[in-house]
Each structure stands twice: as C-alpha cells, then as structure tokens.
Amino acid sequence: MPSVTKTNLLAALALAAATLVAAPAEAADTVSGPATRVDADIIMVGKQRVILWAVDAPERSQFCLIDTKKWGCYEAATRVLDDILKTGEVTCTLQDGKPDPFGRRYGVCKIGDTDIAAELVKQGYALALTDQGEDYSAIQKEAEAAKVGLWRDGVKFENPWDWRRTRTPGGFR
C-alpha cells in the first residue's frame, strides 16, 4: 500500500478544490424551475430569460393570413407555448456565449423528456432556425406534411427572421 506523502496529500486537496470551484461554473449553464412565457419563443426560468435554441416563432406584431383573413398567429403560438409550460418544471441547458443586449441566453429547454422547441415546431407554431442548427428541420417537415399550425391549408406568413429584419431595430427578437 502506498504511503501518503505531503506532496500526494496537497495534490489531492488541490484536485478537490479545483472540482469545487468548477462545479458552480457548470451549474450556471443550466437553469431549472417553473417557467413563464415572455414571447412566442422566449421563456423566463427564475431570473433568466431564455430564447429557445434553433427555432423562431411569429413576432408580437406579426400577423398571418388564412386565405384573405388576418390571423393572429403570434397569439396562437403563445397559447401553445403556455399550454406546454403548464405541464411541469423546465430545465434549460444554456448555449455557450454571452447574453444578448437584453440579458437573454439561448438554451435547449425541456420538461422531463419533452423538448419545448421541438414541441412548438411539431405543432406548427415555430420554424426550424437552420442558421443555428438542423436540430428541428425534420420535425418541421413532419408538421408541414401534417398541415398543422402555420402549415395549415390557406395560411400565408412571412418567416419571422425576415419579418424582424425589416421591422425591428437591430433585428432583435
């Protein structure tokens, strides 16, 4: 059995201290708890606003058309998000990077095994944002084929990122 030397003991203590110091940094990359909706693709978990990663939903002032009638697609998307958030506590894994100018971070958020962004795309009320990744592209194709949400027959809409580019300062959500 090896003897414990002062050097070995100091090395073990240094490793333990490094582990304790690193743990809070990892914890800061995850937020959990009850969540509320801020926007059609932004939620508040604790004091952290989280923009759902790799999806984009209609904007607050954005309207869509069903045939020739104005349709509140933003309101429809927010109702769906509210219904999802009512099902349980949320855990968001925040993406690397600094918060935007409004203190928001991007994150993949789940309630149990349910990915909130995936559910919004599946129901047709958010679009896959392929600039951030292909995470939800296949789910969007399924929603389009099922003709749900924004993909229903007769619905016309502008992609939220295109809508924002021409109507919001800085293109922020």
C-alpha atoms as a PDB file:
ATOM      1  CA  MET A   1       0.000   0.000   0.000  1.00  0.00           C
ATOM      2  CA  PRO A   2       1.493   3.356  -0.996  1.00  0.00           C
ATOM      3  CA  SER A   3       2.285   5.776   1.774  1.00  0.00           C
ATOM      4  CA  VAL A   4       0.577   9.161   1.881  1.00  0.00           C
ATOM      5  CA  THR A   5       3.135  11.851   1.414  1.00  0.00           C
ATOM      6  CA  LYS A   6       2.714  15.550   1.962  1.00  0.00           C
ATOM      7  CA  THR A   7       3.001  16.052  -1.833  1.00  0.00           C
ATOM      8  CA  ASN A   8       0.281  13.465  -2.551  1.00  0.00           C
ATOM      9  CA  LEU A   9      -1.976  14.988   0.089  1.00  0.00           C
ATOM     10  CA  LEU A  10      -1.500  18.510  -1.302  1.00  0.00           C
ATOM     11  CA  ALA A  11      -2.189  17.262  -4.848  1.00  0.00           C
ATOM     12  CA  ALA A  12      -5.390  15.549  -3.690  1.00  0.00           C
ATOM     13  CA  LEU A  13      -6.528  18.696  -1.866  1.00  0.00           C
ATOM     14  CA  ALA A  14      -5.761  20.856  -4.929  1.00  0.00           C
ATOM     15  CA  LEU A  15      -7.786  18.496  -7.140  1.00  0.00           C
ATOM     16  CA  ALA A  16     -10.715  18.589  -4.710  1.00  0.00           C
ATOM     17  CA  ALA A  17     -10.595  22.402  -4.547  1.00  0.00           C
ATOM     18  CA  ALA A  18     -10.499  22.650  -8.358  1.00  0.00           C
ATOM     19  CA  THR A  19     -13.538  20.392  -8.573  1.00  0.00           C
ATOM     20  CA  LEU A  20     -15.463  22.574  -6.108  1.00  0.00           C
ATOM     21  CA  VAL A  21     -14.531  25.746  -7.978  1.00  0.00           C
ATOM     22  CA  ALA A  22     -15.545  24.225 -11.351  1.00  0.00           C
ATOM     23  CA  ALA A  23     -18.935  22.963 -10.130  1.00  0.00           C
ATOM     24  CA  PRO A  24     -20.622  26.401  -9.872  1.00  0.00           C
ATOM     25  CA  ALA A  25     -19.491  27.274 -13.413  1.00  0.00           C
ATOM     26  CA  GLU A  26     -21.217  24.153 -14.742  1.00  0.00           C
ATOM     27  CA  ALA A  27     -24.342  24.872 -12.697  1.00  0.00           C
ATOM     28  CA  ALA A  28     -24.537  28.368 -14.219  1.00  0.00           C
ATOM     29  CA  ASP A  29     -25.019  26.754 -17.642  1.00  0.00           C
ATOM     30  CA  THR A  30     -28.315  25.175 -16.563  1.00  0.00           C
ATOM     31  CA  VAL A  31     -31.417  26.859 -15.166  1.00  0.00           C
ATOM     32  CA  SER A  32     -34.382  24.953 -13.765  1.00  0.00           C
ATOM     33  CA  GLY A  33     -37.755  25.629 -12.244  1.00  0.00           C
ATOM     34  CA  PRO A  34     -41.209  26.863 -13.147  1.00  0.00           C
ATOM     35  CA  ALA A  35     -41.201  28.881 -16.369  1.00  0.00           C
ATOM     36  CA  THR A  36     -43.346  31.619 -17.793  1.00  0.00           C
ATOM     37  CA  ARG A  37     -43.707  32.765 -21.364  1.00  0.00           C
ATOM     38  CA  VAL A  38     -42.107  36.063 -22.338  1.00  0.00           C
ATOM     39  CA  ASP A  39     -42.692  35.745 -26.080  1.00  0.00           C
ATOM     40  CA  ALA A  40     -43.672  33.013 -28.532  1.00  0.00           C
ATOM     41  CA  ASP A  41     -40.127  31.576 -28.389  1.00  0.00           C
ATOM     42  CA  ILE A  42     -38.691  33.146 -25.217  1.00  0.00           C
ATOM     43  CA  ILE A  43     -39.310  31.948 -21.656  1.00  0.00           C
ATOM     44  CA  MET A  44     -38.319  33.072 -18.178  1.00  0.00           C
ATOM     45  CA  VAL A  45     -36.859  30.468 -15.819  1.00  0.00           C
ATOM     46  CA  GLY A  46     -36.080  32.015 -12.459  1.00  0.00           C
ATOM     47  CA  LYS A  47     -34.436  35.322 -13.334  1.00  0.00           C
ATOM     48  CA  GLN A  48     -33.003  34.090 -16.652  1.00  0.00           C
ATOM     49  CA  ARG A  49     -34.698  34.868 -19.954  1.00  0.00           C
ATOM     50  CA  VAL A  50     -34.048  32.044 -22.395  1.00  0.00           C
ATOM     51  CA  ILE A  51     -34.514  32.204 -26.165  1.00  0.00           C
ATOM     52  CA  LEU A  52     -35.358  28.718 -27.401  1.00  0.00           C
ATOM     53  CA  TRP A  53     -32.425  27.388 -29.401  1.00  0.00           C
ATOM     54  CA  ALA A  54     -32.716  26.781 -33.160  1.00  0.00           C
ATOM     55  CA  VAL A  55     -36.367  27.823 -33.543  1.00  0.00           C
ATOM     56  CA  ASP A  56     -38.136  31.043 -34.421  1.00  0.00           C
ATOM     57  CA  ALA A  57     -41.825  31.807 -33.864  1.00  0.00           C
ATOM     58  CA  PRO A  58     -44.053  34.625 -35.115  1.00  0.00           C
ATOM     59  CA  GLU A  59     -43.414  38.043 -33.584  1.00  0.00           C
ATOM     60  CA  ARG A  60     -45.745  40.019 -31.317  1.00  0.00           C
ATOM     61  CA  SER A  61     -46.807  42.495 -34.034  1.00  0.00           C
ATOM     62  CA  GLN A  62     -46.765  39.913 -36.820  1.00  0.00           C
ATOM     63  CA  PHE A  63     -49.985  38.753 -38.395  1.00  0.00           C
ATOM     64  CA  CYS A  64     -50.541  35.927 -40.804  1.00  0.00           C
ATOM     65  CA  LEU A  65     -53.343  35.330 -43.255  1.00  0.00           C
ATOM     66  CA  ILE A  66     -55.738  32.434 -43.583  1.00  0.00           C
ATOM     67  CA  ASP A  67     -56.885  32.809 -47.152  1.00  0.00           C
ATOM     68  CA  THR A  68     -57.529  36.574 -47.119  1.00  0.00           C
ATOM     69  CA  LYS A  69     -58.435  36.954 -43.409  1.00  0.00           C
ATOM     70  CA  LYS A  70     -55.980  38.355 -40.879  1.00  0.00           C
ATOM     71  CA  TRP A  71     -54.992  35.703 -38.317  1.00  0.00           C
ATOM     72  CA  GLY A  72     -53.186  36.285 -35.010  1.00  0.00           C
ATOM     73  CA  CYS A  73     -50.514  33.619 -35.496  1.00  0.00           C
ATOM     74  CA  TYR A  74     -48.404  35.143 -32.696  1.00  0.00           C
ATOM     75  CA  GLU A  75     -51.278  34.751 -30.235  1.00  0.00           C
ATOM     76  CA  ALA A  76     -51.832  31.178 -31.398  1.00  0.00           C
ATOM     77  CA  ALA A  77     -48.131  30.382 -30.885  1.00  0.00           C
ATOM     78  CA  THR A  78     -48.122  31.913 -27.399  1.00  0.00           C
ATOM     79  CA  ARG A  79     -51.177  29.876 -26.371  1.00  0.00           C
ATOM     80  CA  VAL A  80     -49.410  26.688 -27.468  1.00  0.00           C
ATOM     81  CA  LEU A  81     -46.257  27.658 -25.537  1.00  0.00           C
ATOM     82  CA  ASP A  82     -48.341  28.498 -22.445  1.00  0.00           C
ATOM     83  CA  ASP A  83     -50.009  25.075 -22.643  1.00  0.00           C
ATOM     84  CA  ILE A  84     -46.618  23.351 -22.902  1.00  0.00           C
ATOM     85  CA  LEU A  85     -45.196  25.298 -19.939  1.00  0.00           C
ATOM     86  CA  LYS A  86     -48.159  24.322 -17.737  1.00  0.00           C
ATOM     87  CA  THR A  87     -47.120  20.657 -17.903  1.00  0.00           C
ATOM     88  CA  GLY A  88     -44.189  20.899 -15.482  1.00  0.00           C
ATOM     89  CA  GLU A  89     -40.915  22.399 -14.376  1.00  0.00           C
ATOM     90  CA  VAL A  90     -38.418  23.387 -17.043  1.00  0.00           C
ATOM     91  CA  THR A  91     -34.708  22.661 -17.286  1.00  0.00           C
ATOM     92  CA  CYS A  92     -32.739  24.701 -19.816  1.00  0.00           C
ATOM     93  CA  THR A  93     -29.219  23.914 -20.895  1.00  0.00           C
ATOM     94  CA  LEU A  94     -27.826  27.280 -21.910  1.00  0.00           C
ATOM     95  CA  GLN A  95     -25.676  27.598 -25.007  1.00  0.00           C
ATOM     96  CA  ASP A  96     -22.141  28.903 -24.811  1.00  0.00           C
ATOM     97  CA  GLY A  97     -21.847  32.598 -25.335  1.00  0.00           C
ATOM     98  CA  LYS A  98     -22.618  35.825 -23.612  1.00  0.00           C
ATOM     99  CA  PRO A  99     -26.146  37.109 -23.089  1.00  0.00           C
ATOM    100  CA  ASP A 100     -27.581  39.387 -25.769  1.00  0.00           C
ATOM    101  CA  PRO A 101     -28.015  43.125 -25.024  1.00  0.00           C
ATOM    102  CA  PHE A 102     -31.234  42.273 -23.156  1.00  0.00           C
ATOM    103  CA  GLY A 103     -29.581  39.693 -20.857  1.00  0.00           C
ATOM    104  CA  ARG A 104     -31.106  36.705 -22.666  1.00  0.00           C
ATOM    105  CA  ARG A 105     -29.323  33.446 -23.408  1.00  0.00           C
ATOM    106  CA  TYR A 106     -30.105  30.741 -25.943  1.00  0.00           C
ATOM    107  CA  GLY A 107     -31.000  27.373 -24.497  1.00  0.00           C
ATOM    108  CA  VAL A 108     -32.419  23.929 -25.115  1.00  0.00           C
ATOM    109  CA  CYS A 109     -35.301  23.655 -22.679  1.00  0.00           C
ATOM    110  CA  LYS A 110     -37.140  20.539 -21.592  1.00  0.00           C
ATOM    111  CA  ILE A 111     -39.969  19.464 -19.357  1.00  0.00           C
ATOM    112  CA  GLY A 112     -38.992  15.927 -18.450  1.00  0.00           C
ATOM    113  CA  ASP A 113     -38.081  14.331 -21.792  1.00  0.00           C
ATOM    114  CA  THR A 114     -40.137  16.818 -23.835  1.00  0.00           C
ATOM    115  CA  ASP A 115     -38.069  19.349 -25.781  1.00  0.00           C
ATOM    116  CA  ILE A 116     -40.158  22.540 -25.720  1.00  0.00           C
ATOM    117  CA  ALA A 117     -38.819  23.889 -29.028  1.00  0.00           C
ATOM    118  CA  ALA A 118     -39.392  20.547 -30.740  1.00  0.00           C
ATOM    119  CA  GLU A 119     -42.987  20.537 -29.487  1.00  0.00           C
ATOM    120  CA  LEU A 120     -43.595  24.062 -30.836  1.00  0.00           C
ATOM    121  CA  VAL A 121     -42.229  23.015 -34.232  1.00  0.00           C
ATOM    122  CA  LYS A 122     -44.195  19.748 -34.164  1.00  0.00           C
ATOM    123  CA  GLN A 123     -47.440  21.630 -33.569  1.00  0.00           C
ATOM    124  CA  GLY A 124     -46.543  24.055 -36.361  1.00  0.00           C
ATOM    125  CA  TYR A 125     -46.109  27.242 -34.324  1.00  0.00           C
ATOM    126  CA  ALA A 126     -42.344  27.696 -34.635  1.00  0.00           C
ATOM    127  CA  LEU A 127     -39.972  27.231 -37.541  1.00  0.00           C
ATOM    128  CA  ALA A 128     -36.630  25.462 -37.518  1.00  0.00           C
ATOM    129  CA  LEU A 129     -33.920  28.125 -37.453  1.00  0.00           C
ATOM    130  CA  THR A 130     -31.287  26.411 -39.546  1.00  0.00           C
ATOM    131  CA  ASP A 131     -28.779  29.255 -39.034  1.00  0.00           C
ATOM    132  CA  GLN A 132     -28.382  27.852 -35.513  1.00  0.00           C
ATOM    133  CA  GLY A 133     -28.601  24.173 -36.451  1.00  0.00           C
ATOM    134  CA  GLU A 134     -30.587  21.452 -38.143  1.00  0.00           C
ATOM    135  CA  ASP A 135     -31.992  20.257 -34.795  1.00  0.00           C
ATOM    136  CA  TYR A 136     -35.647  20.677 -35.776  1.00  0.00           C
ATOM    137  CA  SER A 137     -35.651  20.544 -39.597  1.00  0.00           C
ATOM    138  CA  ALA A 138     -37.048  17.004 -39.805  1.00  0.00           C
ATOM    139  CA  ILE A 139     -39.764  17.846 -37.270  1.00  0.00           C
ATOM    140  CA  GLN A 140     -40.740  20.893 -39.323  1.00  0.00           C
ATOM    141  CA  LYS A 141     -41.072  18.735 -42.446  1.00  0.00           C
ATOM    142  CA  GLU A 142     -43.421  16.439 -40.490  1.00  0.00           C
ATOM    143  CA  ALA A 143     -45.508  19.449 -39.360  1.00  0.00           C
ATOM    144  CA  GLU A 144     -45.679  20.717 -42.935  1.00  0.00           C
ATOM    145  CA  ALA A 145     -46.827  17.294 -44.160  1.00  0.00           C
ATOM    146  CA  ALA A 146     -49.413  17.091 -41.358  1.00  0.00           C
ATOM    147  CA  LYS A 147     -50.636  20.626 -42.243  1.00  0.00           C
ATOM    148  CA  VAL A 148     -50.711  21.866 -38.665  1.00  0.00           C
ATOM    149  CA  GLY A 149     -50.331  25.379 -37.252  1.00  0.00           C
ATOM    150  CA  LEU A 150     -48.660  27.710 -39.719  1.00  0.00           C
ATOM    151  CA  TRP A 151     -48.682  24.923 -42.308  1.00  0.00           C
ATOM    152  CA  ARG A 152     -52.489  24.588 -42.464  1.00  0.00           C
ATOM    153  CA  ASP A 153     -54.124  24.975 -45.843  1.00  0.00           C
ATOM    154  CA  GLY A 154     -54.625  28.622 -46.787  1.00  0.00           C
ATOM    155  CA  VAL A 155     -52.131  30.065 -44.278  1.00  0.00           C
ATOM    156  CA  LYS A 156     -49.693  32.660 -45.552  1.00  0.00           C
ATOM    157  CA  PHE A 157     -46.922  34.065 -43.389  1.00  0.00           C
ATOM    158  CA  GLU A 158     -43.540  35.702 -43.585  1.00  0.00           C
ATOM    159  CA  ASN A 159     -40.648  33.892 -41.894  1.00  0.00           C
ATOM    160  CA  PRO A 160     -40.179  35.580 -38.509  1.00  0.00           C
ATOM    161  CA  TRP A 161     -36.495  36.347 -39.189  1.00  0.00           C
ATOM    162  CA  ASP A 162     -37.431  38.084 -42.465  1.00  0.00           C
ATOM    163  CA  TRP A 163     -40.288  39.950 -40.769  1.00  0.00           C
ATOM    164  CA  ARG A 164     -37.956  41.173 -37.984  1.00  0.00           C
ATOM    165  CA  ARG A 165     -35.224  42.257 -40.382  1.00  0.00           C
ATOM    166  CA  THR A 166     -37.493  44.895 -41.933  1.00  0.00           C
ATOM    167  CA  ARG A 167     -39.489  45.931 -38.880  1.00  0.00           C
ATOM    168  CA  THR A 168     -37.424  45.809 -35.680  1.00  0.00           C
ATOM    169  CA  PRO A 169     -34.350  47.875 -34.821  1.00  0.00           C
ATOM    170  CA  GLY A 170     -31.299  45.620 -34.847  1.00  0.00           C
ATOM    171  CA  GLY A 171     -33.420  42.615 -35.859  1.00  0.00           C
ATOM    172  CA  PHE A 172     -33.663  41.508 -32.209  1.00  0.00           C
ATOM    173  CA  ARG A 173     -36.439  39.217 -31.064  1.00  0.00           C
END
